[in-house]
Protein backbone atom coordinates (compact mmCIF):
# COMPACT_ATOMS: atom_id res chain seq x y z
CA UNK A 1 -14.96 -32.12 17.51
CA UNK A 2 -17.72 -31.66 15.27
CA UNK A 3 -20.13 -28.48 15.93
CA UNK A 4 -17.43 -26.84 18.37
CA UNK A 5 -16.38 -23.38 17.72
CA UNK A 6 -13.09 -21.26 17.77
CA UNK A 7 -12.71 -18.28 20.00
CA UNK A 8 -11.59 -15.10 18.48
CA UNK A 9 -8.24 -13.69 17.52
CA UNK A 10 -7.29 -10.06 18.15
CA UNK A 11 -3.86 -8.01 17.78
CA UNK A 12 -3.20 -6.03 21.10
CA UNK A 13 -0.21 -3.81 21.13
CA UNK A 14 1.09 -4.53 24.18
CA UNK A 15 0.59 -8.65 24.25
CA UNK A 16 0.54 -9.22 20.41
CA UNK A 17 -1.75 -11.55 19.39
CA UNK A 18 -4.56 -12.59 21.96
CA UNK A 19 -7.95 -14.55 22.53
CA UNK A 20 -10.80 -13.89 24.42
CA UNK A 21 -12.87 -16.78 25.66
CA UNK A 22 -16.31 -14.55 25.88
CA UNK A 23 -16.73 -14.64 22.42
CA UNK A 24 -16.91 -16.89 19.26
CA UNK A 25 -14.82 -16.53 16.48
CA UNK A 26 -16.50 -15.55 12.83
CA UNK A 27 -15.41 -15.87 9.32
CA UNK A 28 -16.77 -13.67 6.66
CA UNK A 29 -18.70 -14.82 3.35
CA UNK A 30 -19.06 -11.54 0.99
CA UNK A 31 -21.04 -9.09 3.67
CA UNK A 32 -22.17 -12.03 5.67
CA UNK A 33 -20.90 -13.56 8.97
CA UNK A 34 -20.65 -16.75 10.12
CA UNK A 35 -19.57 -18.34 13.38
CA UNK A 36 -16.15 -20.58 12.77
CA UNK A 37 -16.43 -24.11 13.36
CA UNK A 38 -13.63 -26.37 14.26
CA UNK A 39 -14.94 -28.97 11.36
CA UNK A 40 -14.43 -25.69 8.96
CA UNK A 41 -10.92 -24.82 9.69
CA UNK A 42 -7.65 -26.47 9.58
CA UNK A 43 -4.70 -26.09 11.64
CA UNK A 44 -2.46 -23.01 10.89
CA UNK A 45 -0.23 -24.18 8.13
CA UNK A 46 3.32 -23.60 8.37
CA UNK A 47 4.78 -20.32 6.89
CA UNK A 48 1.42 -18.63 7.61
CA UNK A 49 1.63 -14.87 8.27
CA UNK A 50 -0.40 -13.05 10.47
CA UNK A 51 -1.73 -9.78 9.74
CA UNK A 52 -3.56 -7.11 12.30
CA UNK A 53 -5.67 -4.54 10.03
CA UNK A 54 -5.96 -0.93 10.72
CA UNK A 55 -8.86 1.12 11.28
CA UNK A 56 -11.20 -1.86 11.37
CA UNK A 57 -13.02 -3.59 14.16
CA UNK A 58 -13.45 -7.40 14.54
CA UNK A 59 -16.85 -9.49 14.20
CA UNK A 60 -17.26 -11.73 16.74
CA UNK A 61 -20.59 -13.69 17.94
CA UNK A 62 -21.48 -13.26 21.83
CA UNK A 63 -22.85 -16.34 23.67
CA UNK A 64 -26.07 -16.30 22.38
CA UNK A 65 -24.81 -16.42 18.80
CA UNK A 66 -25.74 -13.05 18.02
CA UNK A 67 -22.96 -11.23 15.52
CA UNK A 68 -20.80 -8.26 17.34
CA UNK A 69 -18.76 -5.63 16.26
CA UNK A 70 -15.52 -4.75 19.00
CA UNK A 71 -14.84 -1.59 18.29
CA UNK A 72 -12.01 -1.58 21.09
CA UNK A 73 -10.21 -4.55 19.55
CA UNK A 74 -8.23 -5.36 16.66
CA UNK A 75 -9.08 -7.76 14.02
CA UNK A 76 -6.46 -10.47 12.72
CA UNK A 77 -6.42 -12.05 9.51
CA UNK A 78 -4.10 -15.07 8.12
CA UNK A 79 -1.95 -14.67 4.93
CA UNK A 80 -1.96 -18.29 4.19
CA UNK A 81 0.87 -19.82 1.89
CA UNK A 82 0.68 -21.06 -1.52
CA UNK A 83 -1.32 -24.55 -2.36
CA UNK A 84 -4.04 -23.47 0.37
CA UNK A 85 -7.17 -21.71 -0.55
CA UNK A 86 -9.45 -19.53 1.93
CA UNK A 87 -12.77 -20.76 2.42
CA UNK A 88 -13.86 -17.61 4.57
CA UNK A 89 -12.59 -14.07 4.56
CA UNK A 90 -11.03 -12.23 7.98
CA UNK A 91 -14.01 -11.15 10.26
CA UNK A 92 -13.92 -7.49 10.21
CA UNK A 93 -15.73 -4.02 9.15
CA UNK A 94 -14.33 -0.59 8.52
CA UNK A 95 -14.80 2.00 11.01
CA UNK A 96 -14.89 4.46 8.53
CA UNK A 97 -15.62 4.32 4.71
CA UNK A 98 -12.34 6.45 4.22
CA UNK A 99 -10.40 3.52 5.85
CA UNK A 100 -7.05 3.41 4.37
CA UNK A 101 -7.23 0.61 1.62
CA UNK A 102 -5.52 -2.59 3.05
CA UNK A 103 -2.38 -3.96 0.90
CA UNK A 104 -2.05 -6.92 -2.08
CA UNK A 105 -2.71 -9.45 0.08
CA UNK A 106 -5.56 -12.40 0.81
CA UNK A 107 -7.04 -12.01 4.45
CA UNK A 108 -8.51 -15.77 5.56
CA UNK A 109 -10.43 -16.09 8.98
CA UNK A 110 -8.45 -17.23 11.77
CA UNK A 111 -9.35 -18.61 15.20
CA UNK A 112 -8.23 -20.31 18.26
CA UNK A 113 -9.08 -23.64 19.27
CA UNK A 114 -7.94 -25.56 22.51
CA UNK A 115 -4.78 -22.75 22.30
CA UNK A 116 -4.07 -23.54 18.78
CA UNK A 117 -4.98 -21.29 15.71
CA UNK A 118 -6.80 -22.46 13.07
CA UNK A 119 -7.60 -20.85 9.88
CA UNK A 120 -10.69 -21.11 7.36
CA UNK A 121 -8.73 -22.77 4.30
CA UNK A 122 -8.38 -26.08 2.45
CA UNK A 123 -5.25 -27.48 1.08
CA UNK A 124 -5.56 -27.94 -2.61
CA UNK A 125 -1.76 -28.75 -3.60
CA UNK A 126 0.59 -30.40 -1.93
CA UNK A 127 3.49 -29.43 -4.18
CA UNK A 128 5.94 -27.55 -1.68
CA UNK A 129 7.88 -25.65 -4.31
CA UNK A 130 6.90 -22.07 -2.65
CA UNK A 131 7.16 -23.12 0.58
CA UNK A 132 8.92 -20.17 2.29
CA UNK A 133 10.90 -22.33 4.95
CA UNK A 134 12.75 -24.35 2.43
CA UNK A 135 14.79 -21.37 0.65
CA UNK A 136 17.99 -20.79 2.65
CA UNK A 137 19.01 -17.12 2.39
CA UNK A 138 22.65 -17.62 2.50
CA UNK A 139 22.43 -20.42 0.31
CA UNK A 140 20.38 -18.13 -2.07
CA UNK A 141 22.32 -15.26 -2.38
CA UNK A 142 25.79 -17.27 -2.77
CA UNK A 143 24.23 -19.27 -5.67
CA UNK A 144 22.45 -15.86 -7.15
CA UNK A 145 25.89 -14.44 -6.97
CA UNK A 146 27.38 -17.38 -8.84
CA UNK A 147 24.46 -17.50 -11.61
CA UNK A 148 24.72 -13.64 -12.23
CA UNK A 149 28.62 -14.40 -12.78
CA UNK A 150 27.83 -17.07 -14.98
CA UNK A 151 25.98 -14.98 -17.45
CA UNK A 152 27.15 -11.47 -16.52
CA UNK A 153 25.98 -10.08 -19.80
CA UNK A 154 22.37 -11.37 -19.40
CA UNK A 155 19.75 -8.44 -17.85
CA UNK A 156 17.15 -11.11 -17.26
CA UNK A 157 19.02 -13.05 -14.97
CA UNK A 158 20.08 -9.89 -12.98
CA UNK A 159 16.55 -9.29 -12.76
CA UNK A 160 15.37 -12.19 -11.70
CA UNK A 161 18.11 -12.61 -9.29
CA UNK A 162 18.54 -9.25 -7.72
CA UNK A 163 15.09 -7.79 -8.02
CA UNK A 164 12.77 -11.16 -8.05
CA UNK A 165 14.79 -13.51 -5.56
CA UNK A 166 16.63 -11.23 -3.62
CA UNK A 167 14.29 -8.02 -3.11
CA UNK A 168 10.70 -9.64 -3.53
CA UNK A 169 11.92 -13.26 -2.68
CA UNK A 170 9.57 -14.71 -5.36
CA UNK A 171 9.66 -18.35 -5.07
CA UNK A 172 9.71 -19.22 -8.84
CA UNK A 173 13.27 -17.32 -9.06
CA UNK A 174 14.72 -18.84 -6.07
CA UNK A 175 13.18 -22.21 -7.61
CA UNK A 176 15.64 -21.25 -10.81
CA UNK A 177 18.86 -20.36 -8.46
CA UNK A 178 18.21 -23.55 -6.62
CA UNK A 179 17.43 -25.86 -9.85
CA UNK A 180 13.84 -26.57 -8.77
CA UNK A 181 10.39 -27.06 -10.53
CA UNK A 182 9.47 -23.70 -12.37
CA UNK A 183 11.96 -21.48 -13.88
CA UNK A 184 10.30 -18.08 -14.48
CA UNK A 185 10.70 -15.93 -17.65
CA UNK A 186 9.15 -12.59 -17.79
CA UNK A 187 9.03 -11.03 -21.04
CA UNK A 188 6.49 -7.94 -20.95
CA UNK A 189 6.37 -4.40 -19.56
CA UNK A 190 3.04 -3.72 -20.81
CA UNK A 191 -0.39 -5.45 -20.21
CA UNK A 192 -4.13 -4.84 -21.88
CA UNK A 193 -5.95 -5.60 -18.75
CA UNK A 194 -6.04 -3.07 -15.64
CA UNK A 195 -6.61 -5.55 -12.68
CA UNK A 196 -8.15 -3.78 -9.76
CA UNK A 197 -5.41 -6.04 -7.74
CA UNK A 198 -2.68 -5.54 -10.40
CA UNK A 199 0.27 -6.44 -8.10
CA UNK A 200 2.79 -4.91 -10.61
CA UNK A 201 1.10 -1.80 -11.71
CA UNK A 202 -1.25 0.47 -9.86
CA UNK A 203 -2.12 4.05 -10.52
CA UNK A 204 -1.09 6.34 -7.60
CA UNK A 205 -4.79 7.72 -7.68
CA UNK A 206 -5.94 4.09 -6.76
CA UNK A 207 -4.66 4.53 -2.97
CA UNK A 208 -2.93 0.92 -3.32
CA UNK A 209 0.78 0.30 -3.62
CA UNK A 210 1.66 -2.54 -6.13
CA UNK A 211 3.59 -5.43 -4.38
CA UNK A 212 6.29 -5.00 -6.75
CA UNK A 213 7.96 -3.46 -9.74
CA UNK A 214 7.38 -4.37 -13.30
CA UNK A 215 9.81 -5.62 -15.38
CA UNK A 216 11.21 -2.33 -17.62
CA UNK A 217 12.96 -3.66 -20.27
CA UNK A 218 12.24 -6.34 -23.13
CA UNK A 219 14.70 -9.09 -22.77
CA UNK A 220 15.96 -10.58 -26.15
CA UNK A 221 15.68 -14.19 -27.29
CA UNK A 222 19.30 -14.97 -26.58
CA UNK A 223 18.39 -13.60 -22.67
CA UNK A 224 15.38 -15.73 -22.49
CA UNK A 225 17.13 -18.73 -24.17
CA UNK A 226 19.85 -18.78 -21.49
CA UNK A 227 17.60 -18.50 -18.41
CA UNK A 228 15.62 -21.53 -20.40
CA UNK A 229 18.61 -23.71 -21.09
CA UNK A 230 19.96 -23.21 -17.79
CA UNK A 231 17.11 -24.53 -15.95
CA UNK A 232 16.38 -27.49 -18.45
CA UNK A 233 19.95 -28.63 -18.11
CA UNK A 234 19.86 -28.39 -14.17
CA UNK A 235 16.35 -29.59 -13.62
CA UNK A 236 14.84 -33.29 -14.05
CA UNK A 237 11.27 -32.27 -14.67
CA UNK A 238 11.76 -28.56 -16.22
CA UNK A 239 8.83 -26.21 -16.23
CA UNK A 240 9.48 -22.96 -18.09
CA UNK A 241 6.77 -20.05 -17.62
CA UNK A 242 6.10 -17.03 -19.27
CA UNK A 243 3.97 -14.77 -17.69
CA UNK A 244 5.05 -13.71 -14.09
CA UNK A 245 4.14 -11.43 -11.39
CA UNK A 246 6.84 -8.87 -12.52
CA UNK A 247 5.24 -8.26 -15.53
CA UNK A 248 2.18 -7.34 -17.69
CA UNK A 249 0.70 -10.19 -20.32
CA UNK A 250 3.54 -11.80 -22.21
CA UNK A 251 1.16 -12.52 -25.56
CA UNK A 252 2.13 -8.31 -26.29
CA UNK A 253 5.07 -10.24 -26.72
CA UNK A 254 4.28 -13.56 -28.69
CA UNK A 255 6.65 -12.90 -31.85
CA UNK A 256 9.68 -13.01 -29.19
CA UNK A 257 8.14 -16.02 -27.46
CA UNK A 258 7.43 -17.50 -30.79
CA UNK A 259 10.89 -17.67 -31.88
CA UNK A 260 12.44 -18.95 -27.83
CA UNK A 261 9.81 -21.58 -28.26
CA UNK A 262 11.06 -22.77 -31.72
CA UNK A 263 14.14 -22.54 -30.69
CA UNK A 264 13.83 -24.53 -27.82
CA UNK A 265 12.01 -27.41 -29.17
CA UNK A 266 14.57 -27.82 -32.06
CA UNK A 267 16.87 -29.11 -28.64
CA UNK A 268 14.46 -30.13 -26.06
CA UNK A 269 11.12 -32.70 -26.12
CA UNK A 270 10.84 -33.32 -22.60
CA UNK A 271 10.40 -29.80 -20.95
CA UNK A 272 6.90 -28.18 -20.26
CA UNK A 273 6.63 -24.83 -21.57
CA UNK A 274 4.01 -22.80 -20.17
CA UNK A 275 2.59 -19.55 -20.35
CA UNK A 276 0.45 -17.60 -17.51
CA UNK A 277 -1.59 -15.30 -19.70
CA UNK A 278 -4.98 -13.40 -19.53
CA UNK A 279 -5.90 -15.43 -22.96
CA UNK A 280 -6.85 -12.11 -24.53
CA UNK A 281 -5.23 -12.73 -27.80
CA UNK A 282 -6.37 -16.22 -29.01
CA UNK A 283 -4.71 -16.06 -32.64
CA UNK A 284 -1.34 -15.10 -30.89
CA UNK A 285 -1.99 -17.74 -28.33
CA UNK A 286 -2.72 -20.39 -30.96
CA UNK A 287 0.74 -19.65 -32.95
CA UNK A 288 2.57 -20.29 -29.64
CA UNK A 289 0.49 -23.53 -28.78
CA UNK A 290 1.49 -24.72 -33.14
CA UNK A 291 4.89 -23.77 -32.07
CA UNK A 292 5.48 -26.11 -29.08
CA UNK A 293 3.71 -24.56 -26.28
CA UNK A 294 2.22 -27.39 -24.54
CA UNK A 295 0.52 -25.70 -21.26
CA UNK A 296 -1.25 -22.27 -20.75
CA UNK A 297 -2.94 -21.38 -17.45
CA UNK A 298 -5.61 -18.60 -18.30
CA UNK A 299 -6.75 -16.46 -15.25
CA UNK A 300 -10.45 -15.50 -14.62
CA UNK A 301 -11.92 -14.41 -11.54
CA UNK A 302 -15.57 -15.24 -12.81
CA UNK A 303 -17.56 -16.87 -16.13
CA UNK A 304 -19.85 -14.10 -15.96
CA UNK A 305 -18.98 -11.39 -18.30
CA UNK A 306 -19.74 -8.73 -16.21
CA UNK A 307 -18.22 -9.43 -13.23
CA UNK A 308 -14.93 -10.61 -15.23
CA UNK A 309 -14.92 -7.22 -16.96
CA UNK A 310 -15.49 -5.41 -13.84
CA UNK A 311 -12.41 -6.95 -12.39
CA UNK A 312 -9.90 -7.06 -15.46
CA UNK A 313 -10.92 -3.71 -17.32
CA UNK A 314 -9.89 -5.32 -20.75
CA UNK A 315 -8.23 -2.73 -23.02
CA UNK A 316 -8.64 -3.86 -26.66
CA UNK A 317 -10.11 -7.42 -25.76
CA UNK A 318 -13.33 -8.94 -24.63
CA UNK A 319 -14.52 -11.71 -22.22
CA UNK A 320 -15.54 -14.01 -25.39
CA UNK A 321 -11.69 -13.68 -26.45
CA UNK A 322 -10.59 -15.28 -23.06
CA UNK A 323 -13.15 -18.02 -23.73
CA UNK A 324 -11.95 -18.84 -27.52
CA UNK A 325 -8.30 -19.12 -26.03
CA UNK A 326 -9.49 -21.89 -24.04
CA UNK A 327 -11.47 -23.38 -26.69
CA UNK A 328 -8.32 -23.24 -29.05
CA UNK A 329 -6.05 -24.70 -26.27
CA UNK A 330 -8.18 -27.61 -25.81
CA UNK A 331 -8.80 -28.27 -29.68
CA UNK A 332 -5.41 -28.44 -29.99
CA UNK A 333 -4.82 -31.16 -27.04
CA UNK A 334 -3.17 -28.82 -25.16
CA UNK A 335 -3.11 -28.56 -20.93
CA UNK A 336 -5.42 -26.19 -19.96
CA UNK A 337 -5.46 -24.42 -16.76
CA UNK A 338 -7.88 -22.21 -15.66
CA UNK A 339 -6.14 -19.43 -12.81
CA UNK A 340 -9.48 -19.12 -10.99
CA UNK A 341 -9.39 -16.10 -8.63
CA UNK A 342 -11.46 -17.26 -5.70
CA UNK A 343 -13.58 -15.00 -3.30
CA UNK A 344 -15.74 -16.62 -0.45
CA UNK A 345 -19.56 -15.67 -0.55
CA UNK A 346 -18.97 -15.10 -4.41
CA UNK A 347 -17.40 -18.09 -6.27
CA UNK A 348 -18.94 -20.47 -4.28
CA UNK A 349 -22.35 -19.53 -5.04
CA UNK A 350 -24.84 -21.65 -6.86
CA UNK A 351 -24.71 -18.61 -9.94
CA UNK A 352 -21.11 -18.75 -10.29
CA UNK A 353 -21.22 -22.72 -10.51
CA UNK A 354 -23.76 -22.21 -13.28
CA UNK A 355 -21.84 -20.20 -15.52
CA UNK A 356 -18.55 -22.46 -15.00
CA UNK A 357 -20.54 -25.56 -15.59
CA UNK A 358 -21.79 -24.06 -18.87
CA UNK A 359 -17.84 -23.81 -20.10
CA UNK A 360 -16.81 -26.77 -18.53
CA UNK A 361 -19.83 -28.86 -20.52
CA UNK A 362 -18.41 -27.42 -23.82
CA UNK A 363 -14.29 -27.36 -23.05
CA UNK A 364 -12.68 -30.28 -21.38
CA UNK A 365 -10.40 -28.14 -19.05
CA UNK A 366 -7.55 -29.83 -17.18
CA UNK A 367 -7.07 -28.06 -14.30
CA UNK A 368 -8.63 -25.54 -11.73
CA UNK A 369 -6.04 -23.87 -10.08
CA UNK A 370 -7.77 -21.98 -6.86
CA UNK A 371 -5.99 -18.92 -5.92
CA UNK A 372 -6.99 -16.29 -3.11
CA UNK A 373 -7.37 -13.12 -4.28
CA UNK A 374 -5.19 -10.58 -3.19
CA UNK A 375 -7.11 -7.52 -2.52
CA UNK A 376 -9.27 -5.39 0.02
CA UNK A 377 -12.15 -7.48 0.26
CA UNK A 378 -14.33 -4.12 0.64
CA UNK A 379 -12.83 -2.74 -2.16
CA UNK A 380 -13.32 -6.03 -4.26
CA UNK A 381 -17.09 -6.05 -3.01
CA UNK A 382 -17.83 -2.35 -4.15
CA UNK A 383 -16.00 -2.69 -7.48
CA UNK A 384 -16.75 -5.90 -8.64
CA UNK A 385 -19.40 -7.52 -6.83
CA UNK A 386 -21.53 -5.47 -4.97
CA UNK A 387 -24.42 -7.87 -4.34
CA UNK A 388 -24.27 -11.22 -2.73
CA UNK A 389 -25.42 -14.12 -5.13
CA UNK A 390 -28.17 -16.21 -3.88
CA UNK A 391 -27.74 -19.83 -2.85
CA UNK A 392 -23.60 -19.85 -1.38
CA UNK A 393 -22.75 -23.28 -0.72
CA UNK A 394 -19.37 -23.34 0.70
CA UNK A 395 -15.90 -24.15 -1.03
CA UNK A 396 -16.17 -27.95 0.09
CA UNK A 397 -19.72 -28.23 -1.51
CA UNK A 398 -18.39 -26.03 -4.52
CA UNK A 399 -15.58 -28.78 -5.13
CA UNK A 400 -17.66 -31.54 -4.44
CA UNK A 401 -20.12 -30.60 -7.04
CA UNK A 402 -17.17 -30.08 -9.61
CA UNK A 403 -15.85 -33.07 -9.03
CA UNK A 404 -18.70 -35.32 -9.40
CA UNK A 405 -19.96 -33.64 -12.79
CA UNK A 406 -16.32 -33.28 -14.18
CA UNK A 407 -14.37 -35.85 -12.77
CA UNK A 408 -11.24 -35.33 -15.19
CA UNK A 409 -10.60 -32.42 -13.73
CA UNK A 410 -7.88 -31.51 -11.31
CA UNK A 411 -7.77 -28.95 -8.73
CA UNK A 412 -4.43 -27.55 -7.82
CA UNK A 413 -2.55 -24.26 -7.36
CA UNK A 414 0.77 -24.87 -9.48
CA UNK A 415 1.67 -25.36 -12.77
CA UNK A 416 2.27 -29.24 -13.35
CA UNK A 417 4.88 -30.73 -15.20
CA UNK A 418 2.41 -32.08 -17.37
CA UNK A 419 4.28 -34.75 -19.14
CA UNK A 420 3.24 -36.87 -16.36
CA UNK A 421 -0.43 -36.70 -17.21
CA UNK A 422 0.11 -37.46 -21.32
């Protein structure tokens, strides 16, 4: 199969998803287009969703391997499931600079080989905790109703069941209902970042719709503790996570989190208490570590300060605060994961790798969670990285270099039950 090319996939309003043997499929790296080879793709993962992209033209390669934009075709992208990281973007160009912005999903290159769909992605984590097809809708509804009845006065449980699990089909909320893995503990309606791709809050002027509503109340200690203890009682390897997609920055409510952690730790030892955070308040984070927080996932899109600031738009904190949070966590011997938001043609460059390695040489980070940026690729390029950096090496090679130079680092997608490693 080595060296063989895929055929492109288009959307046809009459026939659905179709291919065309006259052309070769392409993937996109930043603004550059690359022929899609079989060896650089994997079979379409289960639960992948295919999108057709409006007001855009697919870019393919002709028989002489020259890139061609087909204005009469509709491009297709794959939204791959959690656990997979894209290595190339869907291959398209906007028909007009005023084209409607794409919703907050990731857009992965897809092509056809011998009648089967393949995508430009790498399996990063085999954990199936977010596998869509593993959740049975009727079971979720019945058990969710039962959970609300068990805690009728708990607003947080109603939020997690009715909004997160039912309306938005949040896998963590569904896992809480099903007594599995990681329980979500959203606590903050406010945030001190203004991320361009924020899924829970967008100004009307942005032209982007948020993917879900942010929690609109502040849960009490008792409400949070009820959720936490319910999960601990029902799961063998319980993970509790502050900081969810339906909230802002949890460190803004650190005082409540601190009291909850202290109460949990008085009774339970064999539980991973994690926070998903932007790492903006190192002293607050330190106090949580001391109280018993033993895991933190800190989000970055780059270890270059200018790139980080362009995406996160921090309000009242700096990139250096984030680095300090990472350093404090490791000084206290806590599990530190980097929620590394990746973008093909930028993250996998020698320039970005150099910035990453500079930090990894100073701080023994435990895990890199390679996550796809859910954003219109052209918007991200325009606002964050208009210039494609030199030395694009591809995600596989990028991972290989990190593994060789920092063999202790784990690649993953999900927050682990860290007591397995300590």
